[in-house]
């Protein structure tokens, strides 16, 4: 019921304990001021779609789900420079779903996942990992690090934009990537040779990597019906590559293109063993064709896609228009958002599981689709207007 960092009626207070449905009678910015939030309990659903416009944005601290049986929907988390060497967001618990969440401006990684079982990211946005921010490793624009033995991890309809590396990087375990979209990756340092501390050093860096999705030895990856589009910073020409070792990958139905629409390559077989069967496939899941998945993601991914704030609208427009940058600070793109608080009191919540879910679905339908974004340039590059059904 308020935008305070702590105390009665705050988001922090609401996600403490167990067995919670968290709904919002207020919208705006919650400035955590370095005081991270961890959902450590069990059976907790955070329904961000219940908030009035502009929704809920957490600023300047890490947001983690370390408990079990957790769903978080339609929340934005923005870390930013000057906050240490933290990740923007993490998942370290089992049976967790991040649904239409966005994570921004990480200093270590922007959204990373460790030692989990049965975790899904659905239509999330991981964007603008910060590159030169004073991190002890120097260059550090890194989207996601997946490690410590994750199993049954799925990313479906997830969008990575303007992260130099780790889109994601998977060190151990198994991952299912479907209808996955990556835009404007770039060269970056990733624990090989001397560290890199400036744009000038990065421009002449034989020890740097140029990779989109990368995996280490022993990883099993399914990458299907997904799209990677080079942006102004991009060099890599393989969708899936090894990282200091040889991983295993099944690839089918993917598109990777340069800015003019010319096709690039699927797996770098010098360090990827290409599998004939998918090592992981969620039961009953049917991916969209890659072309349709691209357009659907640009219209429906991230929090509140039908009511996007300035930063979300800006990033999706850069993908549609073919521009944008890997950045060093949130100040490079307008700084932290400031919104006047809004209210929409919730007088009652329906009784019963089915009635309650129908209520949440109805609120989500009101903010489900960005109908204003112009995708005509991509129709020319990719050659499909399959997303017309979303108009």
Protein backbone atom coordinates (compact mmCIF):
# COMPACT_ATOMS: atom_id res chain seq x y z
CA UNK A 1 0.00 0.00 0.00
CA UNK A 2 3.04 2.34 -0.09
CA UNK A 3 6.37 2.81 -1.89
CA UNK A 4 8.52 2.73 1.23
CA UNK A 5 11.62 0.53 1.29
CA UNK A 6 10.50 -1.15 4.51
CA UNK A 7 7.83 -1.13 7.19
CA UNK A 8 4.14 -1.95 7.29
CA UNK A 9 2.51 -1.96 3.86
CA UNK A 10 5.84 -2.03 2.02
CA UNK A 11 6.84 -4.54 -0.65
CA UNK A 12 9.63 -5.85 1.60
CA UNK A 13 7.14 -6.51 4.39
CA UNK A 14 4.64 -8.18 2.06
CA UNK A 15 7.13 -10.72 0.65
CA UNK A 16 8.38 -11.80 4.06
CA UNK A 17 7.15 -15.08 5.52
CA UNK A 18 5.25 -17.75 3.58
CA UNK A 19 1.97 -18.38 1.76
CA UNK A 20 1.39 -14.90 0.31
CA UNK A 21 -0.40 -13.39 -2.66
CA UNK A 22 1.11 -9.91 -3.01
CA UNK A 23 -1.03 -7.30 -4.79
CA UNK A 24 -0.48 -3.58 -5.17
CA UNK A 25 -2.69 -0.61 -4.43
CA UNK A 26 0.10 1.74 -5.46
CA UNK A 27 2.37 2.24 -8.47
CA UNK A 28 5.73 3.96 -8.86
CA UNK A 29 9.36 3.65 -7.73
CA UNK A 30 10.59 1.84 -4.61
CA UNK A 31 14.10 3.13 -3.87
CA UNK A 32 15.83 0.37 -1.91
CA UNK A 33 18.96 2.53 -1.44
CA UNK A 34 21.34 -0.42 -1.28
CA UNK A 35 19.16 -2.58 1.00
CA UNK A 36 18.49 -5.73 -1.04
CA UNK A 37 15.29 -7.78 -0.94
CA UNK A 38 15.29 -11.58 -0.86
CA UNK A 39 12.09 -13.61 -1.11
CA UNK A 40 13.25 -16.43 1.11
CA UNK A 41 9.94 -18.03 2.00
CA UNK A 42 7.74 -20.49 0.13
CA UNK A 43 4.47 -20.34 -1.78
CA UNK A 44 4.62 -16.64 -2.65
CA UNK A 45 3.09 -14.99 -5.72
CA UNK A 46 3.92 -11.37 -6.55
CA UNK A 47 1.27 -10.05 -8.95
CA UNK A 48 2.78 -6.84 -10.33
CA UNK A 49 0.00 -6.63 -12.91
CA UNK A 50 -2.32 -5.48 -10.12
CA UNK A 51 -0.41 -2.19 -9.73
CA UNK A 52 -1.73 0.96 -11.40
CA UNK A 53 0.38 2.57 -14.13
CA UNK A 54 3.39 2.94 -14.19
CA UNK A 55 3.68 -0.35 -12.28
CA UNK A 56 6.38 -1.23 -9.77
CA UNK A 57 10.09 -0.48 -10.23
CA UNK A 58 12.72 -1.42 -7.64
CA UNK A 59 15.85 0.76 -7.65
CA UNK A 60 19.44 0.63 -6.41
CA UNK A 61 19.64 -2.81 -4.77
CA UNK A 62 19.58 -6.50 -5.60
CA UNK A 63 16.33 -8.46 -5.79
CA UNK A 64 16.60 -12.25 -5.20
CA UNK A 65 14.25 -15.23 -4.98
CA UNK A 66 15.97 -17.82 -2.78
CA UNK A 67 12.86 -19.58 -1.48
CA UNK A 68 10.66 -22.17 -3.19
CA UNK A 69 7.40 -22.14 -5.13
CA UNK A 70 7.64 -18.47 -6.06
CA UNK A 71 6.11 -16.54 -8.97
CA UNK A 72 7.08 -12.91 -9.65
CA UNK A 73 5.22 -11.08 -12.44
CA UNK A 74 5.44 -7.61 -14.02
CA UNK A 75 8.18 -6.07 -11.86
CA UNK A 76 11.16 -3.99 -13.05
CA UNK A 77 14.47 -4.08 -11.14
CA UNK A 78 17.15 -1.45 -11.90
CA UNK A 79 20.49 -1.48 -10.10
CA UNK A 80 22.85 1.11 -11.60
CA UNK A 81 26.39 2.30 -10.99
CA UNK A 82 27.62 3.53 -7.64
CA UNK A 83 26.03 0.55 -5.85
CA UNK A 84 29.02 -1.81 -5.45
CA UNK A 85 29.67 -4.92 -7.57
CA UNK A 86 26.30 -6.58 -7.28
CA UNK A 87 23.92 -8.42 -9.60
CA UNK A 88 20.64 -6.71 -10.30
CA UNK A 89 18.64 -9.88 -9.64
CA UNK A 90 19.21 -13.53 -8.78
CA UNK A 91 17.33 -16.79 -8.53
CA UNK A 92 18.77 -19.34 -6.10
CA UNK A 93 15.58 -21.20 -5.09
CA UNK A 94 13.67 -24.11 -6.63
CA UNK A 95 10.33 -24.02 -8.44
CA UNK A 96 10.59 -20.32 -9.29
CA UNK A 97 8.99 -18.43 -12.18
CA UNK A 98 9.98 -14.93 -13.24
CA UNK A 99 7.17 -13.86 -15.56
CA UNK A 100 7.44 -10.56 -17.48
CA UNK A 101 10.15 -9.31 -15.11
CA UNK A 102 12.87 -6.94 -16.30
CA UNK A 103 16.38 -6.56 -14.88
CA UNK A 104 18.64 -3.64 -15.79
CA UNK A 105 22.04 -2.05 -15.26
CA UNK A 106 23.88 -4.83 -13.47
CA UNK A 107 27.44 -4.29 -12.27
CA UNK A 108 28.41 -7.95 -11.94
CA UNK A 109 25.67 -9.73 -13.86
CA UNK A 110 22.20 -8.36 -14.47
CA UNK A 111 20.20 -11.54 -13.78
CA UNK A 112 21.99 -14.70 -12.67
CA UNK A 113 20.79 -18.12 -11.55
CA UNK A 114 22.64 -20.56 -9.30
CA UNK A 115 22.03 -24.11 -8.00
CA UNK A 116 18.35 -24.36 -8.89
CA UNK A 117 15.86 -26.97 -10.03
CA UNK A 118 12.75 -26.28 -12.09
CA UNK A 119 13.08 -22.57 -12.80
CA UNK A 120 11.47 -20.67 -15.69
CA UNK A 121 11.98 -17.20 -17.10
CA UNK A 122 8.99 -16.29 -19.30
CA UNK A 123 9.02 -13.17 -21.48
CA UNK A 124 11.58 -11.42 -19.30
CA UNK A 125 13.93 -8.61 -20.36
CA UNK A 126 17.62 -8.49 -19.34
CA UNK A 127 19.02 -5.19 -20.57
CA UNK A 128 21.95 -2.79 -20.61
CA UNK A 129 24.44 -4.51 -18.32
CA UNK A 130 26.96 -1.80 -17.48
CA UNK A 131 30.38 -2.09 -19.12
CA UNK A 132 33.02 0.22 -17.63
CA UNK A 133 31.87 1.11 -14.11
CA UNK A 134 34.95 0.62 -11.95
CA UNK A 135 34.38 -3.14 -11.53
CA UNK A 136 37.55 -4.88 -10.33
CA UNK A 137 37.49 -7.02 -13.48
CA UNK A 138 37.34 -3.96 -15.72
CA UNK A 139 34.97 -4.54 -18.64
CA UNK A 140 31.86 -6.19 -17.19
CA UNK A 141 28.74 -5.90 -19.33
CA UNK A 142 27.36 -9.36 -18.55
CA UNK A 143 23.75 -10.46 -18.91
CA UNK A 144 23.39 -13.74 -17.00
CA UNK A 145 25.67 -16.33 -15.42
CA UNK A 146 24.08 -19.75 -14.91
CA UNK A 147 26.15 -22.07 -12.74
CA UNK A 148 26.52 -24.44 -9.81
CA UNK A 149 24.54 -27.32 -11.29
CA UNK A 150 21.20 -25.92 -12.44
CA UNK A 151 18.64 -28.45 -13.69
CA UNK A 152 15.35 -28.03 -15.54
CA UNK A 153 16.05 -24.36 -16.26
CA UNK A 154 14.00 -22.82 -19.07
CA UNK A 155 14.05 -19.40 -20.71
CA UNK A 156 11.06 -18.91 -22.99
CA UNK A 157 10.46 -15.70 -24.92
CA UNK A 158 13.27 -13.98 -23.01
CA UNK A 159 14.91 -10.89 -24.51
CA UNK A 160 18.55 -9.92 -23.95
CA UNK A 161 19.47 -6.46 -25.26
CA UNK A 162 22.72 -4.45 -25.10
CA UNK A 163 24.72 -6.88 -22.95
CA UNK A 164 28.24 -7.51 -24.27
CA UNK A 165 28.48 -11.11 -23.07
CA UNK A 166 26.61 -13.86 -21.18
CA UNK A 167 23.31 -13.81 -23.05
CA UNK A 168 23.41 -16.14 -21.10
CA UNK A 169 26.61 -18.02 -20.18
CA UNK A 170 25.94 -21.49 -18.73
CA UNK A 171 28.74 -23.09 -16.74
CA UNK A 172 27.10 -26.30 -15.49
CA UNK A 173 23.84 -28.19 -15.78
CA UNK A 174 21.12 -27.98 -18.42
CA UNK A 175 19.15 -25.18 -20.01
CA UNK A 176 16.24 -24.93 -22.46
CA UNK A 177 16.18 -21.78 -24.59
CA UNK A 178 13.16 -21.34 -26.84
CA UNK A 179 11.83 -18.29 -28.67
CA UNK A 180 14.87 -16.59 -27.14
CA UNK A 181 15.84 -13.16 -28.53
CA UNK A 182 19.30 -11.56 -28.30
CA UNK A 183 20.16 -8.14 -29.72
CA UNK A 184 23.39 -6.12 -29.81
CA UNK A 185 25.85 -8.29 -27.95
CA UNK A 186 29.45 -7.16 -28.19
CA UNK A 187 33.08 -8.03 -27.48
CA UNK A 188 34.01 -8.34 -23.84
CA UNK A 189 36.57 -9.67 -21.39
CA UNK A 190 35.64 -12.93 -19.66
CA UNK A 191 38.52 -14.36 -17.60
CA UNK A 192 41.11 -14.90 -20.31
CA UNK A 193 44.32 -12.87 -20.49
CA UNK A 194 44.83 -9.33 -19.20
CA UNK A 195 41.79 -7.42 -17.97
CA UNK A 196 40.37 -4.59 -20.05
CA UNK A 197 39.65 -1.19 -18.50
CA UNK A 198 38.70 1.14 -21.35
CA UNK A 199 36.98 1.37 -24.71
CA UNK A 200 40.40 1.86 -26.32
CA UNK A 201 41.72 -1.39 -24.81
CA UNK A 202 38.51 -3.18 -25.81
CA UNK A 203 38.91 -2.08 -29.43
CA UNK A 204 42.30 -3.84 -29.58
CA UNK A 205 41.74 -6.93 -27.44
CA UNK A 206 42.85 -10.31 -28.82
CA UNK A 207 42.04 -12.00 -25.50
CA UNK A 208 38.41 -10.78 -25.52
CA UNK A 209 35.46 -12.97 -26.45
CA UNK A 210 32.79 -12.41 -29.08
CA UNK A 211 29.96 -14.75 -28.12
CA UNK A 212 26.17 -14.68 -27.94
CA UNK A 213 25.07 -17.74 -25.89
CA UNK A 214 28.10 -19.52 -24.42
CA UNK A 215 28.43 -22.76 -22.46
CA UNK A 216 31.23 -24.61 -20.68
CA UNK A 217 32.25 -28.26 -20.69
CA UNK A 218 29.52 -30.65 -19.62
CA UNK A 219 26.65 -28.24 -20.20
CA UNK A 220 23.64 -29.54 -22.12
CA UNK A 221 21.77 -26.86 -24.04
CA UNK A 222 18.60 -26.89 -26.13
CA UNK A 223 18.37 -23.78 -28.35
CA UNK A 224 15.32 -23.75 -30.61
CA UNK A 225 13.24 -21.29 -32.65
CA UNK A 226 15.24 -18.34 -31.36
CA UNK A 227 16.58 -15.14 -32.92
CA UNK A 228 19.87 -13.24 -32.61
CA UNK A 229 20.33 -9.92 -34.43
CA UNK A 230 23.66 -8.12 -34.55
CA UNK A 231 23.54 -4.51 -33.41
CA UNK A 232 26.05 -1.66 -33.62
CA UNK A 233 28.42 -3.33 -31.10
CA UNK A 234 28.12 -6.93 -32.35
CA UNK A 235 30.88 -9.08 -33.85
CA UNK A 236 30.13 -12.73 -32.99
CA UNK A 237 28.87 -14.88 -35.85
CA UNK A 238 27.76 -18.02 -33.94
CA UNK A 239 24.57 -18.26 -31.88
CA UNK A 240 26.02 -20.96 -29.58
CA UNK A 241 29.70 -21.29 -28.68
CA UNK A 242 31.84 -22.91 -26.01
CA UNK A 243 33.51 -20.96 -23.23
CA UNK A 244 36.93 -22.27 -22.21
CA UNK A 245 35.70 -25.80 -22.89
CA UNK A 246 33.45 -27.94 -25.06
CA UNK A 247 29.70 -27.97 -24.38
CA UNK A 248 26.80 -29.90 -25.88
CA UNK A 249 24.03 -28.24 -27.86
CA UNK A 250 20.90 -29.14 -29.80
CA UNK A 251 19.87 -26.40 -32.27
CA UNK A 252 16.79 -26.25 -34.47
CA UNK A 253 14.81 -23.52 -36.23
CA UNK A 254 16.99 -20.58 -35.14
CA UNK A 255 17.76 -17.32 -36.94
CA UNK A 256 20.96 -15.32 -36.50
CA UNK A 257 21.55 -12.37 -38.84
CA UNK A 258 23.75 -9.33 -39.30
CA UNK A 259 22.25 -5.80 -39.41
CA UNK A 260 21.48 -6.20 -43.13
CA UNK A 261 19.65 -9.49 -42.62
CA UNK A 262 22.42 -11.75 -43.94
CA UNK A 263 22.42 -15.15 -42.22
CA UNK A 264 25.21 -16.04 -39.81
CA UNK A 265 25.90 -19.41 -38.15
CA UNK A 266 24.31 -21.66 -35.53
CA UNK A 267 26.90 -23.58 -33.50
CA UNK A 268 30.65 -23.15 -33.41
CA UNK A 269 31.56 -26.80 -33.84
CA UNK A 270 35.17 -26.17 -32.84
CA UNK A 271 33.95 -26.06 -29.23
CA UNK A 272 30.34 -27.32 -29.38
CA UNK A 273 29.28 -30.95 -29.77
CA UNK A 274 26.07 -30.76 -31.78
CA UNK A 275 23.43 -33.18 -30.47
CA UNK A 276 20.84 -34.97 -32.58
CA UNK A 277 18.20 -34.93 -29.83
CA UNK A 278 17.28 -32.18 -27.33
CA UNK A 279 18.73 -32.93 -23.88
CA UNK A 280 15.92 -30.98 -22.17
CA UNK A 281 12.36 -30.26 -23.33
CA UNK A 282 9.49 -29.16 -21.08
CA UNK A 283 6.62 -31.59 -21.40
CA UNK A 284 3.98 -30.44 -23.87
CA UNK A 285 5.73 -27.22 -24.88
CA UNK A 286 5.38 -26.13 -28.52
CA UNK A 287 7.61 -23.21 -29.55
CA UNK A 288 6.50 -20.60 -32.06
CA UNK A 289 8.42 -20.32 -35.33
CA UNK A 290 11.41 -18.02 -34.81
CA UNK A 291 10.01 -15.19 -36.94
CA UNK A 292 6.75 -15.08 -35.06
CA UNK A 293 8.51 -15.41 -31.72
CA UNK A 294 10.64 -12.34 -32.51
CA UNK A 295 7.65 -10.12 -33.18
CA UNK A 296 5.69 -11.50 -30.26
CA UNK A 297 8.62 -10.86 -27.91
CA UNK A 298 8.99 -7.26 -29.05
CA UNK A 299 5.29 -6.66 -28.45
CA UNK A 300 4.74 -8.68 -25.29
CA UNK A 301 7.97 -9.18 -23.29
CA UNK A 302 8.96 -7.32 -20.15
CA UNK A 303 6.66 -5.84 -17.51
CA UNK A 304 3.45 -4.15 -18.62
CA UNK A 305 4.17 -4.36 -22.39
CA UNK A 306 0.90 -2.59 -23.18
CA UNK A 307 1.85 0.24 -20.81
CA UNK A 308 5.62 0.52 -21.16
CA UNK A 309 7.53 3.21 -19.34
CA UNK A 310 10.16 5.34 -21.09
CA UNK A 311 13.10 2.96 -20.61
CA UNK A 312 11.23 -0.18 -21.68
CA UNK A 313 9.78 1.54 -24.74
CA UNK A 314 13.22 2.90 -25.61
CA UNK A 315 15.01 -0.47 -25.50
CA UNK A 316 12.41 -2.32 -27.54
CA UNK A 317 12.47 0.51 -30.08
CA UNK A 318 16.26 0.16 -30.43
CA UNK A 319 15.76 -3.49 -31.39
CA UNK A 320 13.08 -2.58 -33.91
CA UNK A 321 15.17 0.27 -35.36
CA UNK A 322 18.61 -1.38 -35.23
CA UNK A 323 20.40 1.08 -32.97
CA UNK A 324 21.34 1.52 -29.29
CA UNK A 325 24.54 0.84 -27.34
CA UNK A 326 26.22 -1.16 -24.63
CA UNK A 327 26.40 1.52 -21.91
CA UNK A 328 28.57 2.39 -18.90
CA UNK A 329 25.99 4.09 -16.67
CA UNK A 330 22.25 4.56 -16.37
CA UNK A 331 23.04 8.25 -16.81
CA UNK A 332 24.00 7.49 -20.42
CA UNK A 333 20.33 6.79 -21.15
CA UNK A 334 18.49 9.30 -19.00
CA UNK A 335 19.17 8.06 -15.47
CA UNK A 336 16.91 6.45 -12.90
CA UNK A 337 13.19 6.78 -13.56
CA UNK A 338 11.15 9.14 -11.42
CA UNK A 339 7.40 8.70 -11.35
CA UNK A 340 4.75 10.35 -9.26
CA UNK A 341 3.09 7.72 -7.04
CA UNK A 342 -0.27 6.47 -8.24
CA UNK A 343 -2.97 4.57 -6.40
CA UNK A 344 -5.70 2.11 -7.25
CA UNK A 345 -7.09 0.70 -4.01
CA UNK A 346 -7.98 -2.98 -4.11
CA UNK A 347 -11.13 -3.37 -2.08
CA UNK A 348 -11.47 -7.12 -2.41
CA UNK A 349 -9.77 -10.18 -3.90
CA UNK A 350 -11.97 -12.96 -5.29
CA UNK A 351 -12.31 -16.13 -3.23
CA UNK A 352 -11.20 -19.44 -4.68
CA UNK A 353 -8.20 -20.34 -6.80
CA UNK A 354 -9.95 -20.24 -10.17
CA UNK A 355 -11.75 -16.94 -9.55
CA UNK A 356 -8.58 -15.35 -8.22
CA UNK A 357 -6.56 -16.48 -11.25
CA UNK A 358 -9.24 -15.18 -13.62
CA UNK A 359 -9.04 -11.80 -11.87
CA UNK A 360 -5.25 -11.68 -12.23
CA UNK A 361 -5.50 -12.75 -15.89
CA UNK A 362 -8.03 -10.01 -16.61
CA UNK A 363 -5.72 -7.36 -15.13
CA UNK A 364 -2.81 -8.76 -17.14
CA UNK A 365 -4.84 -8.71 -20.36
CA UNK A 366 -5.28 -4.95 -19.93
CA UNK A 367 -1.49 -4.44 -20.27
CA UNK A 368 -0.61 -7.41 -22.49
CA UNK A 369 0.46 -6.01 -25.90
CA UNK A 370 2.43 -3.03 -27.19
CA UNK A 371 0.41 -2.08 -30.26
CA UNK A 372 2.41 1.06 -31.08
CA UNK A 373 5.88 -0.31 -31.83
CA UNK A 374 6.85 -0.13 -35.52
CA UNK A 375 8.39 -3.43 -36.66
CA UNK A 376 8.40 -2.77 -40.41
CA UNK A 377 12.21 -2.69 -40.64
CA UNK A 378 12.39 -6.17 -39.12
CA UNK A 379 9.68 -7.46 -41.45
CA UNK A 380 12.06 -6.57 -44.27
CA UNK A 381 15.07 -8.22 -42.61
CA UNK A 382 13.44 -11.36 -41.28
CA UNK A 383 10.72 -11.72 -43.87
CA UNK A 384 7.58 -12.36 -41.88
CA UNK A 385 4.62 -10.44 -40.50
CA UNK A 386 3.37 -13.39 -38.47
CA UNK A 387 2.67 -11.17 -35.48
CA UNK A 388 -0.29 -9.48 -37.14
CA UNK A 389 -2.57 -11.50 -34.87
CA UNK A 390 -1.31 -9.36 -31.97
CA UNK A 391 -2.46 -6.08 -33.50
